Amino acid sequence: PTHNLALRPSESADGAYLYFASRELNFQLQKILLANPKSGIQTEATPRLLEWTLWHLVPGGIYFVPNDAPKTMRYFDLASHKAKDVFTVEKDFDDGISVSPDGRYILYSQADQQNEEIMLLDRY
């Protein structure tokens, strides 16, 4: 059996919904109505996330890094269901973003270097 894993759950400002990233849907944002959880899980109209940690719910919208534009921070307006680019970075986003309570600042981590090596051991 498959189980929907709710990654990084976050309650909406009005307390009506619980938003989360779904591993089963390749990090698509979903939500559930807290007053009636039996009503089922709804998929939000945002593009798929680059990573499950790269989104932040604020009153009125969601800041996120989409899979189809991995160097771009976008804002999804919950009322209009439209997304707009906020800024683009030169280096890759890393693990996590946060928005200040007043909405004036976005804190994000950046990957300065990514190193991978393959090692071969002979006669270990």
PDB file of N, CA and C in Angstrom:
ATOM      1  N   PRO A   1       0.826  -1.196   0.000  1.00  0.00           N
ATOM      2  CA  PRO A   1       0.000   0.000   0.000  1.00  0.00           C
ATOM      3  C   PRO A   1       0.862   1.248   0.000  1.00  0.00           C
ATOM      4  N   THR A   2       0.402   2.276  -0.668  1.00  0.00           N
ATOM      5  CA  THR A   2       1.118   3.538  -0.673  1.00  0.00           C
ATOM      6  C   THR A   2       0.500   4.466   0.354  1.00  0.00           C
ATOM      7  N   HIS A   3       1.317   5.318   0.917  1.00  0.00           N
ATOM      8  CA  HIS A   3       0.871   6.270   1.915  1.00  0.00           C
ATOM      9  C   HIS A   3       1.338   7.644   1.504  1.00  0.00           C
ATOM     10  N   ASN A   4       0.461   8.613   1.580  1.00  0.00           N
ATOM     11  CA  ASN A   4       0.825   9.978   1.247  1.00  0.00           C
ATOM     12  C   ASN A   4       1.631  10.559   2.396  1.00  0.00           C
ATOM     13  N   LEU A   5       2.851  10.892   2.152  1.00  0.00           N
ATOM     14  CA  LEU A   5       3.693  11.477   3.182  1.00  0.00           C
ATOM     15  C   LEU A   5       3.562  12.985   3.139  1.00  0.00           C
ATOM     16  N   ALA A   6       3.078  13.559   4.223  1.00  0.00           N
ATOM     17  CA  ALA A   6       2.934  15.012   4.316  1.00  0.00           C
ATOM     18  C   ALA A   6       4.254  15.584   4.798  1.00  0.00           C
ATOM     19  N   LEU A   7       4.970  16.214   3.900  1.00  0.00           N
ATOM     20  CA  LEU A   7       6.278  16.763   4.221  1.00  0.00           C
ATOM     21  C   LEU A   7       6.164  18.246   4.516  1.00  0.00           C
ATOM     22  N   ARG A   8       6.752  18.667   5.613  1.00  0.00           N
ATOM     23  CA  ARG A   8       6.811  20.062   6.031  1.00  0.00           C
ATOM     24  C   ARG A   8       5.416  20.702   6.125  1.00  0.00           C
ATOM     25  N   PRO A   9       4.524  20.137   6.938  1.00  0.00           N
ATOM     26  CA  PRO A   9       3.177  20.695   7.059  1.00  0.00           C
ATOM     27  C   PRO A   9       3.188  22.102   7.652  1.00  0.00           C
ATOM     28  N   SER A  10       2.272  22.940   7.160  1.00  0.00           N
ATOM     29  CA  SER A  10       2.182  24.325   7.618  1.00  0.00           C
ATOM     30  C   SER A  10       0.712  24.751   7.600  1.00  0.00           C
ATOM     31  N   GLU A  11       0.245  25.296   8.715  1.00  0.00           N
ATOM     32  CA  GLU A  11      -1.147  25.731   8.821  1.00  0.00           C
ATOM     33  C   GLU A  11      -1.316  27.122   8.222  1.00  0.00           C
ATOM     34  N   SER A  12      -2.431  27.318   7.497  1.00  0.00           N
ATOM     35  CA  SER A  12      -2.710  28.630   6.911  1.00  0.00           C
ATOM     36  C   SER A  12      -2.952  29.658   8.008  1.00  0.00           C
ATOM     37  N   ALA A  13      -2.764  30.929   7.674  1.00  0.00           N
ATOM     38  CA  ALA A  13      -2.894  32.013   8.659  1.00  0.00           C
ATOM     39  C   ALA A  13      -4.281  32.055   9.287  1.00  0.00           C
ATOM     40  N   ASP A  14      -5.300  31.689   8.521  1.00  0.00           N
ATOM     41  CA  ASP A  14      -6.662  31.699   9.053  1.00  0.00           C
ATOM     42  C   ASP A  14      -7.038  30.401   9.762  1.00  0.00           C
ATOM     43  N   GLY A  15      -6.132  29.439   9.786  1.00  0.00           N
ATOM     44  CA  GLY A  15      -6.374  28.166  10.463  1.00  0.00           C
ATOM     45  C   GLY A  15      -7.300  27.228   9.714  1.00  0.00           C
ATOM     46  N   ALA A  16      -7.658  27.560   8.484  1.00  0.00           N
ATOM     47  CA  ALA A  16      -8.613  26.748   7.730  1.00  0.00           C
ATOM     48  C   ALA A  16      -7.974  25.518   7.089  1.00  0.00           C
ATOM     49  N   TYR A  17      -6.725  25.638   6.624  1.00  0.00           N
ATOM     50  CA  TYR A  17      -6.090  24.558   5.875  1.00  0.00           C
ATOM     51  C   TYR A  17      -4.747  24.170   6.465  1.00  0.00           C
ATOM     52  N   LEU A  18      -4.378  22.929   6.199  1.00  0.00           N
ATOM     53  CA  LEU A  18      -3.031  22.450   6.466  1.00  0.00           C
ATOM     54  C   LEU A  18      -2.404  22.174   5.106  1.00  0.00           C
ATOM     55  N   TYR A  19      -1.326  22.885   4.792  1.00  0.00           N
ATOM     56  CA  TYR A  19      -0.604  22.711   3.529  1.00  0.00           C
ATOM     57  C   TYR A  19       0.586  21.792   3.767  1.00  0.00           C
ATOM     58  N   PHE A  20       0.945  21.027   2.753  1.00  0.00           N
ATOM     59  CA  PHE A  20       2.113  20.148   2.853  1.00  0.00           C
ATOM     60  C   PHE A  20       2.588  19.770   1.457  1.00  0.00           C
ATOM     61  N   ALA A  21       3.839  19.350   1.383  1.00  0.00           N
ATOM     62  CA  ALA A  21       4.400  18.843   0.131  1.00  0.00           C
ATOM     63  C   ALA A  21       4.181  17.334   0.108  1.00  0.00           C
ATOM     64  N   SER A  22       3.789  16.818  -1.037  1.00  0.00           N
ATOM     65  CA  SER A  22       3.517  15.398  -1.171  1.00  0.00           C
ATOM     66  C   SER A  22       4.667  14.697  -1.888  1.00  0.00           C
ATOM     67  N   ARG A  23       5.249  13.720  -1.227  1.00  0.00           N
ATOM     68  CA  ARG A  23       6.320  12.939  -1.857  1.00  0.00           C
ATOM     69  C   ARG A  23       5.760  12.102  -3.006  1.00  0.00           C
ATOM     70  N   GLU A  24       4.533  11.608  -2.857  1.00  0.00           N
ATOM     71  CA  GLU A  24       3.930  10.771  -3.890  1.00  0.00           C
ATOM     72  C   GLU A  24       3.700  11.530  -5.194  1.00  0.00           C
ATOM     73  N   LEU A  25       3.518  12.839  -5.110  1.00  0.00           N
ATOM     74  CA  LEU A  25       3.282  13.647  -6.307  1.00  0.00           C
ATOM     75  C   LEU A  25       4.497  14.487  -6.679  1.00  0.00           C
ATOM     76  N   ASN A  26       5.691  13.983  -6.392  1.00  0.00           N
ATOM     77  CA  ASN A  26       6.929  14.685  -6.728  1.00  0.00           C
ATOM     78  C   ASN A  26       6.960  16.097  -6.168  1.00  0.00           C
ATOM     79  N   PHE A  27       6.637  16.206  -4.907  1.00  0.00           N
ATOM     80  CA  PHE A  27       6.693  17.470  -4.163  1.00  0.00           C
ATOM     81  C   PHE A  27       5.690  18.501  -4.660  1.00  0.00           C
ATOM     82  N   GLN A  28       4.516  18.070  -5.047  1.00  0.00           N
ATOM     83  CA  GLN A  28       3.425  18.986  -5.358  1.00  0.00           C
ATOM     84  C   GLN A  28       2.805  19.444  -4.038  1.00  0.00           C
ATOM     85  N   LEU A  29       2.461  20.722  -3.933  1.00  0.00           N
ATOM     86  CA  LEU A  29       1.823  21.212  -2.722  1.00  0.00           C
ATOM     87  C   LEU A  29       0.368  20.774  -2.692  1.00  0.00           C
ATOM     88  N   GLN A  30      -0.059  20.327  -1.521  1.00  0.00           N
ATOM     89  CA  GLN A  30      -1.432  19.909  -1.318  1.00  0.00           C
ATOM     90  C   GLN A  30      -1.950  20.563  -0.050  1.00  0.00           C
ATOM     91  N   LYS A  31      -3.281  20.502   0.137  1.00  0.00           N
ATOM     92  CA  LYS A  31      -3.880  21.073   1.332  1.00  0.00           C
ATOM     93  C   LYS A  31      -5.078  20.230   1.744  1.00  0.00           C
ATOM     94  N   ILE A  32      -5.406  20.341   3.035  1.00  0.00           N
ATOM     95  CA  ILE A  32      -6.574  19.653   3.555  1.00  0.00           C
ATOM     96  C   ILE A  32      -7.334  20.627   4.451  1.00  0.00           C
ATOM     97  N   LEU A  33      -8.649  20.619   4.345  1.00  0.00           N
ATOM     98  CA  LEU A  33      -9.506  21.480   5.144  1.00  0.00           C
ATOM     99  C   LEU A  33      -9.528  20.940   6.570  1.00  0.00           C
ATOM    100  N   LEU A  34      -9.051  21.731   7.525  1.00  0.00           N
ATOM    101  CA  LEU A  34      -8.933  21.255   8.897  1.00  0.00           C
ATOM    102  C   LEU A  34     -10.292  21.064   9.578  1.00  0.00           C
ATOM    103  N   ALA A  35     -11.292  21.849   9.212  1.00  0.00           N
ATOM    104  CA  ALA A  35     -12.611  21.713   9.819  1.00  0.00           C
ATOM    105  C   ALA A  35     -13.311  20.431   9.383  1.00  0.00           C
ATOM    106  N   ASN A  36     -12.913  19.902   8.228  1.00  0.00           N
ATOM    107  CA  ASN A  36     -13.529  18.687   7.703  1.00  0.00           C
ATOM    108  C   ASN A  36     -12.487  17.851   6.968  1.00  0.00           C
ATOM    109  N   PRO A  37     -11.585  17.194   7.717  1.00  0.00           N
ATOM    110  CA  PRO A  37     -10.515  16.428   7.065  1.00  0.00           C
ATOM    111  C   PRO A  37     -11.027  15.314   6.155  1.00  0.00           C
ATOM    112  N   LYS A  38     -12.243  14.833   6.393  1.00  0.00           N
ATOM    113  CA  LYS A  38     -12.791  13.761   5.557  1.00  0.00           C
ATOM    114  C   LYS A  38     -13.168  14.254   4.167  1.00  0.00           C
ATOM    115  N   SER A  39     -13.157  15.576   3.963  1.00  0.00           N
ATOM    116  CA  SER A  39     -13.466  16.122   2.638  1.00  0.00           C
ATOM    117  C   SER A  39     -12.379  15.790   1.624  1.00  0.00           C
ATOM    118  N   GLY A  40     -11.226  15.388   2.112  1.00  0.00           N
ATOM    119  CA  GLY A  40     -10.169  14.928   1.225  1.00  0.00           C
ATOM    120  C   GLY A  40      -9.066  15.940   0.999  1.00  0.00           C
ATOM    121  N   ILE A  41      -8.019  15.447   0.401  1.00  0.00           N
ATOM    122  CA  ILE A  41      -6.834  16.247   0.106  1.00  0.00           C
ATOM    123  C   ILE A  41      -7.023  16.921  -1.249  1.00  0.00           C
ATOM    124  N   GLN A  42      -6.682  18.211  -1.304  1.00  0.00           N
ATOM    125  CA  GLN A  42      -6.769  18.978  -2.547  1.00  0.00           C
ATOM    126  C   GLN A  42      -5.363  19.357  -2.985  1.00  0.00           C
ATOM    127  N   THR A  43      -5.125  19.336  -4.286  1.00  0.00           N
ATOM    128  CA  THR A  43      -3.833  19.751  -4.812  1.00  0.00           C
ATOM    129  C   THR A  43      -3.886  21.238  -5.126  1.00  0.00           C
ATOM    130  N   GLU A  44      -2.894  21.975  -4.617  1.00  0.00           N
ATOM    131  CA  GLU A  44      -2.822  23.413  -4.903  1.00  0.00           C
ATOM    132  C   GLU A  44      -2.266  23.584  -6.313  1.00  0.00           C
ATOM    133  N   ALA A  45      -2.593  24.674  -6.958  1.00  0.00           N
ATOM    134  CA  ALA A  45      -2.264  24.887  -8.370  1.00  0.00           C
ATOM    135  C   ALA A  45      -0.844  25.402  -8.603  1.00  0.00           C
ATOM    136  N   THR A  46       0.049  25.211  -7.671  1.00  0.00           N
ATOM    137  CA  THR A  46       1.440  25.631  -7.863  1.00  0.00           C
ATOM    138  C   THR A  46       2.184  24.583  -8.691  1.00  0.00           C
ATOM    139  N   PRO A  47       3.238  25.001  -9.388  1.00  0.00           N
ATOM    140  CA  PRO A  47       4.085  24.005 -10.055  1.00  0.00           C
ATOM    141  C   PRO A  47       4.760  23.115  -9.012  1.00  0.00           C
ATOM    142  N   ARG A  48       5.284  22.011  -9.461  1.00  0.00           N
ATOM    143  CA  ARG A  48       5.996  21.112  -8.544  1.00  0.00           C
ATOM    144  C   ARG A  48       7.205  21.836  -7.958  1.00  0.00           C
ATOM    145  N   LEU A  49       7.487  21.504  -6.711  1.00  0.00           N
ATOM    146  CA  LEU A  49       8.623  22.111  -6.019  1.00  0.00           C
ATOM    147  C   LEU A  49       9.923  21.456  -6.462  1.00  0.00           C
ATOM    148  N   LEU A  50      10.998  22.222  -6.428  1.00  0.00           N
ATOM    149  CA  LEU A  50      12.312  21.654  -6.697  1.00  0.00           C
ATOM    150  C   LEU A  50      12.666  20.651  -5.600  1.00  0.00           C
ATOM    151  N   GLU A  51      12.440  21.036  -4.369  1.00  0.00           N
ATOM    152  CA  GLU A  51      12.677  20.184  -3.199  1.00  0.00           C
ATOM    153  C   GLU A  51      11.557  20.426  -2.196  1.00  0.00           C
ATOM    154  N   TRP A  52      11.269  19.460  -1.360  1.00  0.00           N
ATOM    155  CA  TRP A  52      10.174  19.587  -0.402  1.00  0.00           C
ATOM    156  C   TRP A  52      10.429  20.652   0.655  1.00  0.00           C
ATOM    157  N   THR A  53      11.659  21.090   0.810  1.00  0.00           N
ATOM    158  CA  THR A  53      11.998  22.120   1.799  1.00  0.00           C
ATOM    159  C   THR A  53      11.959  23.533   1.225  1.00  0.00           C
ATOM    160  N   LEU A  54      11.741  23.673  -0.074  1.00  0.00           N
ATOM    161  CA  LEU A  54      11.861  24.976  -0.717  1.00  0.00           C
ATOM    162  C   LEU A  54      10.505  25.644  -0.957  1.00  0.00           C
ATOM    163  N   TRP A  55       9.765  25.857   0.144  1.00  0.00           N
ATOM    164  CA  TRP A  55       8.512  26.595   0.086  1.00  0.00           C
ATOM    165  C   TRP A  55       8.218  27.149   1.460  1.00  0.00           C
ATOM    166  N   HIS A  56       7.442  28.244   1.472  1.00  0.00           N
ATOM    167  CA  HIS A  56       7.068  28.874   2.745  1.00  0.00           C
ATOM    168  C   HIS A  56       5.698  29.529   2.574  1.00  0.00           C
ATOM    169  N   LEU A  57       4.774  29.141   3.431  1.00  0.00           N
ATOM    170  CA  LEU A  57       3.417  29.674   3.410  1.00  0.00           C
ATOM    171  C   LEU A  57       3.368  30.979   4.197  1.00  0.00           C
ATOM    172  N   VAL A  58       2.778  32.005   3.609  1.00  0.00           N
ATOM    173  CA  VAL A  58       2.570  33.298   4.269  1.00  0.00           C
ATOM    174  C   VAL A  58       1.092  33.656   4.115  1.00  0.00           C
ATOM    175  N   PRO A  59       0.578  34.606   4.901  1.00  0.00           N
ATOM    176  CA  PRO A  59      -0.816  35.007   4.692  1.00  0.00           C
ATOM    177  C   PRO A  59      -1.020  35.488   3.246  1.00  0.00           C
ATOM    178  N   GLY A  60      -1.894  34.842   2.545  1.00  0.00           N
ATOM    179  CA  GLY A  60      -2.202  35.259   1.177  1.00  0.00           C
ATOM    180  C   GLY A  60      -1.453  34.545   0.083  1.00  0.00           C
ATOM    181  N   GLY A  61      -0.397  33.796   0.419  1.00  0.00           N
ATOM    182  CA  GLY A  61       0.354  33.159  -0.653  1.00  0.00           C
ATOM    183  C   GLY A  61       1.428  32.197  -0.202  1.00  0.00           C
ATOM    184  N   ILE A  62       2.179  31.733  -1.185  1.00  0.00           N
ATOM    185  CA  ILE A  62       3.244  30.753  -0.951  1.00  0.00           C
ATOM    186  C   ILE A  62       4.472  31.177  -1.755  1.00  0.00           C
ATOM    187  N   TYR A  63       5.612  31.291  -1.078  1.00  0.00           N
ATOM    188  CA  TYR A  63       6.891  31.469  -1.763  1.00  0.00           C
ATOM    189  C   TYR A  63       7.455  30.073  -2.003  1.00  0.00           C
ATOM    190  N   PHE A  64       8.001  29.848  -3.197  1.00  0.00           N
ATOM    191  CA  PHE A  64       8.513  28.514  -3.507  1.00  0.00           C
ATOM    192  C   PHE A  64       9.534  28.572  -4.631  1.00  0.00           C
ATOM    193  N   VAL A  65      10.324  27.503  -4.742  1.00  0.00           N
ATOM    194  CA  VAL A  65      11.254  27.326  -5.857  1.00  0.00           C
ATOM    195  C   VAL A  65      10.702  26.178  -6.694  1.00  0.00           C
ATOM    196  N   PRO A  66      10.305  26.456  -7.945  1.00  0.00           N
ATOM    197  CA  PRO A  66       9.686  25.424  -8.776  1.00  0.00           C
ATOM    198  C   PRO A  66      10.712  24.503  -9.433  1.00  0.00           C
ATOM    199  N   ASN A  67      10.274  23.299  -9.706  1.00  0.00           N
ATOM    200  CA  ASN A  67      11.122  22.322 -10.371  1.00  0.00           C
ATOM    201  C   ASN A  67      11.508  22.775 -11.774  1.00  0.00           C
ATOM    202  N   ASP A  68      10.618  23.503 -12.459  1.00  0.00           N
ATOM    203  CA  ASP A  68      10.894  23.910 -13.838  1.00  0.00           C
ATOM    204  C   ASP A  68      11.745  25.173 -13.953  1.00  0.00           C
ATOM    205  N   ALA A  69      12.069  25.814 -12.826  1.00  0.00           N
ATOM    206  CA  ALA A  69      12.946  26.994 -12.815  1.00  0.00           C
ATOM    207  C   ALA A  69      13.748  26.972 -11.515  1.00  0.00           C
ATOM    208  N   PRO A  70      14.742  26.096 -11.413  1.00  0.00           N
ATOM    209  CA  PRO A  70      15.407  25.822 -10.134  1.00  0.00           C
ATOM    210  C   PRO A  70      16.242  26.957  -9.546  1.00  0.00           C
ATOM    211  N   LYS A  71      16.421  28.047 -10.255  1.00  0.00           N
ATOM    212  CA  LYS A  71      17.172  29.181  -9.719  1.00  0.00           C
ATOM    213  C   LYS A  71      16.270  30.400  -9.489  1.00  0.00           C
ATOM    214  N   THR A  72      14.954  30.168  -9.470  1.00  0.00           N
ATOM    215  CA  THR A  72      13.988  31.257  -9.348  1.00  0.00           C
ATOM    216  C   THR A  72      13.105  31.083  -8.126  1.00  0.00           C
ATOM    217  N   MET A  73      12.968  32.154  -7.349  1.00  0.00           N
ATOM    218  CA  MET A  73      11.998  32.181  -6.258  1.00  0.00           C
ATOM    219  C   MET A  73      10.713  32.757  -6.842  1.00  0.00           C
ATOM    220  N   ARG A  74       9.589  32.068  -6.607  1.00  0.00           N
ATOM    221  CA  ARG A  74       8.300  32.537  -7.095  1.00  0.00           C
ATOM    222  C   ARG A  74       7.344  32.744  -5.921  1.00  0.00           C
ATOM    223  N   TYR A  75       6.325  33.559  -6.188  1.00  0.00           N
ATOM    224  CA  TYR A  75       5.246  33.784  -5.222  1.00  0.00           C
ATOM    225  C   TYR A  75       3.946  33.360  -5.881  1.00  0.00           C
ATOM    226  N   PHE A  76       3.198  32.493  -5.201  1.00  0.00           N
ATOM    227  CA  PHE A  76       1.901  32.035  -5.677  1.00  0.00           C
ATOM    228  C   PHE A  76       0.827  32.718  -4.847  1.00  0.00           C
ATOM    229  N   ASP A  77      -0.013  33.510  -5.493  1.00  0.00           N
ATOM    230  CA  ASP A  77      -1.090  34.221  -4.812  1.00  0.00           C
ATOM    231  C   ASP A  77      -2.279  33.269  -4.656  1.00  0.00           C
ATOM    232  N   LEU A  78      -2.692  33.021  -3.414  1.00  0.00           N
ATOM    233  CA  LEU A  78      -3.767  32.071  -3.160  1.00  0.00           C
ATOM    234  C   LEU A  78      -5.125  32.568  -3.665  1.00  0.00           C
ATOM    235  N   ALA A  79      -5.332  33.876  -3.748  1.00  0.00           N
ATOM    236  CA  ALA A  79      -6.607  34.416  -4.213  1.00  0.00           C
ATOM    237  C   ALA A  79      -6.742  34.333  -5.739  1.00  0.00           C
ATOM    238  N   SER A  80      -5.697  34.742  -6.455  1.00  0.00           N
ATOM    239  CA  SER A  80      -5.766  34.768  -7.919  1.00  0.00           C
ATOM    240  C   SER A  80      -5.309  33.463  -8.565  1.00  0.00           C
ATOM    241  N   HIS A  81      -4.623  32.613  -7.792  1.00  0.00           N
ATOM    242  CA  HIS A  81      -4.032  31.365  -8.290  1.00  0.00           C
ATOM    243  C   HIS A  81      -3.016  31.620  -9.400  1.00  0.00           C
ATOM    244  N   LYS A  82      -2.308  32.739  -9.280  1.00  0.00           N
ATOM    245  CA  LYS A  82      -1.270  33.081 -10.251  1.00  0.00           C
ATOM    246  C   LYS A  82       0.080  33.154  -9.543  1.00  0.00           C
ATOM    247  N   ALA A  83       1.113  32.748 -10.264  1.00  0.00           N
ATOM    248  CA  ALA A  83       2.475  32.791  -9.738  1.00  0.00           C
ATOM    249  C   ALA A  83       3.268  33.867 -10.461  1.00  0.00           C
ATOM    250  N   LYS A  84       4.160  34.521  -9.730  1.00  0.00           N
ATOM    251  CA  LYS A  84       5.044  35.504 -10.357  1.00  0.00           C
ATOM    252  C   LYS A  84       6.457  35.307  -9.818  1.00  0.00           C
ATOM    253  N   ASP A  85       7.435  35.594 -10.664  1.00  0.00           N
ATOM    254  CA  ASP A  85       8.833  35.505 -10.253  1.00  0.00           C
ATOM    255  C   ASP A  85       9.142  36.627  -9.270  1.00  0.00           C
ATOM    256  N   VAL A  86       9.895  36.298  -8.215  1.00  0.00           N
ATOM    257  CA  VAL A  86      10.305  37.286  -7.222  1.00  0.00           C
ATOM    258  C   VAL A  86      11.758  37.672  -7.453  1.00  0.00           C
ATOM    259  N   PHE A  87      12.630  36.682  -7.572  1.00  0.00           N
ATOM    260  CA  PHE A  87      14.038  36.928  -7.896  1.00  0.00           C
ATOM    261  C   PHE A  87      14.670  35.642  -8.400  1.00  0.00           C
ATOM    262  N   THR A  88      15.826  35.802  -9.031  1.00  0.00           N
ATOM    263  CA  THR A  88      16.601  34.674  -9.547  1.00  0.00           C
ATOM    264  C   THR A  88      17.993  34.731  -8.942  1.00  0.00           C
ATOM    265  N   VAL A  89      18.568  33.574  -8.673  1.00  0.00           N
ATOM    266  CA  VAL A  89      19.900  33.483  -8.090  1.00  0.00           C
ATOM    267  C   VAL A  89      20.872  32.892  -9.103  1.00  0.00           C
ATOM    268  N   GLU A  90      22.156  33.164  -8.894  1.00  0.00           N
ATOM    269  CA  GLU A  90      23.177  32.599  -9.778  1.00  0.00           C
ATOM    270  C   GLU A  90      23.549  31.188  -9.366  1.00  0.00           C
ATOM    271  N   LYS A  91      23.658  30.965  -8.057  1.00  0.00           N
ATOM    272  CA  LYS A  91      24.014  29.640  -7.546  1.00  0.00           C
ATOM    273  C   LYS A  91      22.739  28.928  -7.119  1.00  0.00           C
ATOM    274  N   ASP A  92      22.833  27.633  -6.905  1.00  0.00           N
ATOM    275  CA  ASP A  92      21.656  26.836  -6.571  1.00  0.00           C
ATOM    276  C   ASP A  92      21.124  27.140  -5.173  1.00  0.00           C
ATOM    277  N   PHE A  93      19.790  27.073  -5.044  1.00  0.00           N
ATOM    278  CA  PHE A  93      19.185  27.092  -3.717  1.00  0.00           C
ATOM    279  C   PHE A  93      19.575  25.808  -3.012  1.00  0.00           C
ATOM    280  N   ASP A  94      19.689  25.879  -1.703  1.00  0.00           N
ATOM    281  CA  ASP A  94      19.972  24.674  -0.938  1.00  0.00           C
ATOM    282  C   ASP A  94      18.741  24.332  -0.124  1.00  0.00           C
ATOM    283  N   ASP A  95      18.903  23.951   1.098  1.00  0.00           N
ATOM    284  CA  ASP A  95      17.848  23.349   1.905  1.00  0.00           C
ATOM    285  C   ASP A  95      17.083  24.361   2.742  1.00  0.00           C
ATOM    286  N   GLY A  96      15.924  24.803   2.282  1.00  0.00           N
ATOM    287  CA  GLY A  96      15.028  25.595   3.100  1.00  0.00           C
ATOM    288  C   GLY A  96      14.971  27.079   2.777  1.00  0.00           C
ATOM    289  N   ILE A  97      13.770  27.655   2.987  1.00  0.00           N
ATOM    290  CA  ILE A  97      13.569  29.093   2.898  1.00  0.00           C
ATOM    291  C   ILE A  97      12.651  29.507   4.044  1.00  0.00           C
ATOM    292  N   SER A  98      12.725  30.769   4.395  1.00  0.00           N
ATOM    293  CA  SER A  98      11.864  31.321   5.432  1.00  0.00           C
ATOM    294  C   SER A  98      11.581  32.779   5.084  1.00  0.00           C
ATOM    295  N   VAL A  99      10.386  33.239   5.424  1.00  0.00           N
ATOM    296  CA  VAL A  99       9.985  34.615   5.162  1.00  0.00           C
ATOM    297  C   VAL A  99       9.711  35.286   6.495  1.00  0.00           C
ATOM    298  N   SER A 100      10.193  36.516   6.657  1.00  0.00           N
ATOM    299  CA  SER A 100       9.970  37.233   7.912  1.00  0.00           C
ATOM    300  C   SER A 100       8.479  37.486   8.120  1.00  0.00           C
ATOM    301  N   PRO A 101       8.030  37.582   9.380  1.00  0.00           N
ATOM    302  CA  PRO A 101       6.607  37.788   9.660  1.00  0.00           C
ATOM    303  C   PRO A 101       6.003  39.007   8.962  1.00  0.00           C
ATOM    304  N   ASP A 102       6.796  40.057   8.754  1.00  0.00           N
ATOM    305  CA  ASP A 102       6.268  41.249   8.079  1.00  0.00           C
ATOM    306  C   ASP A 102       6.352  41.135   6.548  1.00  0.00           C
ATOM    307  N   GLY A 103       6.912  40.032   6.032  1.00  0.00           N
ATOM    308  CA  GLY A 103       6.989  39.806   4.589  1.00  0.00           C
ATOM    309  C   GLY A 103       8.049  40.600   3.866  1.00  0.00           C
ATOM    310  N   ARG A 104       8.897  41.304   4.610  1.00  0.00           N
ATOM    311  CA  ARG A 104       9.905  42.152   3.964  1.00  0.00           C
ATOM    312  C   ARG A 104      11.182  41.411   3.581  1.00  0.00           C
ATOM    313  N   TYR A 105      11.461  40.284   4.230  1.00  0.00           N
ATOM    314  CA  TYR A 105      12.719  39.585   4.006  1.00  0.00           C
ATOM    315  C   TYR A 105      12.481  38.102   3.736  1.00  0.00           C
ATOM    316  N   ILE A 106      13.311  37.547   2.855  1.00  0.00           N
ATOM    317  CA  ILE A 106      13.318  36.112   2.590  1.00  0.00           C
ATOM    318  C   ILE A 106      14.711  35.599   2.923  1.00  0.00           C
ATOM    319  N   LEU A 107      14.757  34.604   3.773  1.00  0.00           N
ATOM    320  CA  LEU A 107      16.014  33.964   4.142  1.00  0.00           C
ATOM    321  C   LEU A 107      16.084  32.631   3.405  1.00  0.00           C
ATOM    322  N   TYR A 108      17.175  32.409   2.687  1.00  0.00           N
ATOM    323  CA  TYR A 108      17.337  31.144   1.971  1.00  0.00           C
ATOM    324  C   TYR A 108      18.783  30.696   2.061  1.00  0.00           C
ATOM    325  N   SER A 109      18.994  29.410   1.907  1.00  0.00           N
ATOM    326  CA  SER A 109      20.357  28.889   1.896  1.00  0.00           C
ATOM    327  C   SER A 109      20.778  28.665   0.454  1.00  0.00           C
ATOM    328  N   GLN A 110      22.080  28.780   0.242  1.00  0.00           N
ATOM    329  CA  GLN A 110      22.643  28.706  -1.101  1.00  0.00           C
ATOM    330  C   GLN A 110      23.740  27.655  -1.129  1.00  0.00           C
ATOM    331  N   ALA A 111      23.798  26.891  -2.179  1.00  0.00           N
ATOM    332  CA  ALA A 111      24.851  25.899  -2.349  1.00  0.00           C
ATOM    333  C   ALA A 111      26.011  26.558  -3.089  1.00  0.00           C
ATOM    334  N   ASP A 112      27.090  26.852  -2.358  1.00  0.00           N
ATOM    335  CA  ASP A 112      28.251  27.471  -3.003  1.00  0.00           C
ATOM    336  C   ASP A 112      29.024  26.476  -3.853  1.00  0.00           C
ATOM    337  N   GLN A 113      29.103  25.241  -3.372  1.00  0.00           N
ATOM    338  CA  GLN A 113      29.806  24.207  -4.119  1.00  0.00           C
ATOM    339  C   GLN A 113      29.074  22.892  -3.944  1.00  0.00           C
ATOM    340  N   GLN A 114      29.110  22.086  -4.977  1.00  0.00           N
ATOM    341  CA  GLN A 114      28.596  20.733  -4.885  1.00  0.00           C
ATOM    342  C   GLN A 114      29.673  19.827  -5.431  1.00  0.00           C
ATOM    343  N   ASN A 115      30.206  18.998  -4.557  1.00  0.00           N
ATOM    344  CA  ASN A 115      31.285  18.111  -4.946  1.00  0.00           C
ATOM    345  C   ASN A 115      30.854  16.664  -4.773  1.00  0.00           C
ATOM    346  N   GLU A 116      31.139  15.883  -5.762  1.00  0.00           N
ATOM    347  CA  GLU A 116      30.875  14.454  -5.695  1.00  0.00           C
ATOM    348  C   GLU A 116      32.091  13.740  -6.251  1.00  0.00           C
ATOM    349  N   GLU A 117      32.460  12.666  -5.581  1.00  0.00           N
ATOM    350  CA  GLU A 117      33.610  11.899  -6.042  1.00  0.00           C
ATOM    351  C   GLU A 117      33.270  10.425  -5.992  1.00  0.00           C
ATOM    352  N   ILE A 118      33.812   9.679  -6.914  1.00  0.00           N
ATOM    353  CA  ILE A 118      33.692   8.231  -6.894  1.00  0.00           C
ATOM    354  C   ILE A 118      35.067   7.691  -6.525  1.00  0.00           C
ATOM    355  N   MET A 119      35.099   6.863  -5.520  1.00  0.00           N
ATOM    356  CA  MET A 119      36.369   6.305  -5.045  1.00  0.00           C
ATOM    357  C   MET A 119      36.383   4.803  -5.334  1.00  0.00           C
ATOM    358  N   LEU A 120      37.514   4.304  -5.729  1.00  0.00           N
ATOM    359  CA  LEU A 120      37.696   2.885  -5.972  1.00  0.00           C
ATOM    360  C   LEU A 120      38.761   2.373  -5.007  1.00  0.00           C
ATOM    361  N   LEU A 121      38.388   1.387  -4.235  1.00  0.00           N
ATOM    362  CA  LEU A 121      39.331   0.777  -3.301  1.00  0.00           C
ATOM    363  C   LEU A 121      39.733  -0.582  -3.833  1.00  0.00           C
ATOM    364  N   ASP A 122      41.035  -0.815  -3.863  1.00  0.00           N
ATOM    365  CA  ASP A 122      41.554  -2.094  -4.330  1.00  0.00           C
ATOM    366  C   ASP A 122      42.209  -2.801  -3.140  1.00  0.00           C
ATOM    367  N   ARG A 123      41.794  -4.027  -2.889  1.00  0.00           N
ATOM    368  CA  ARG A 123      42.345  -4.824  -1.778  1.00  0.00           C
ATOM    369  C   ARG A 123      42.130  -4.159  -0.439  1.00  0.00           C
ATOM    370  N   TYR A 124      40.925  -3.860  -0.137  1.00  0.00           N
ATOM    371  CA  TYR A 124      40.637  -3.208   1.134  1.00  0.00           C
ATOM    372  C   TYR A 124      40.792  -4.190   2.227  1.00  0.00           C
TER     373      TYR A 124
END
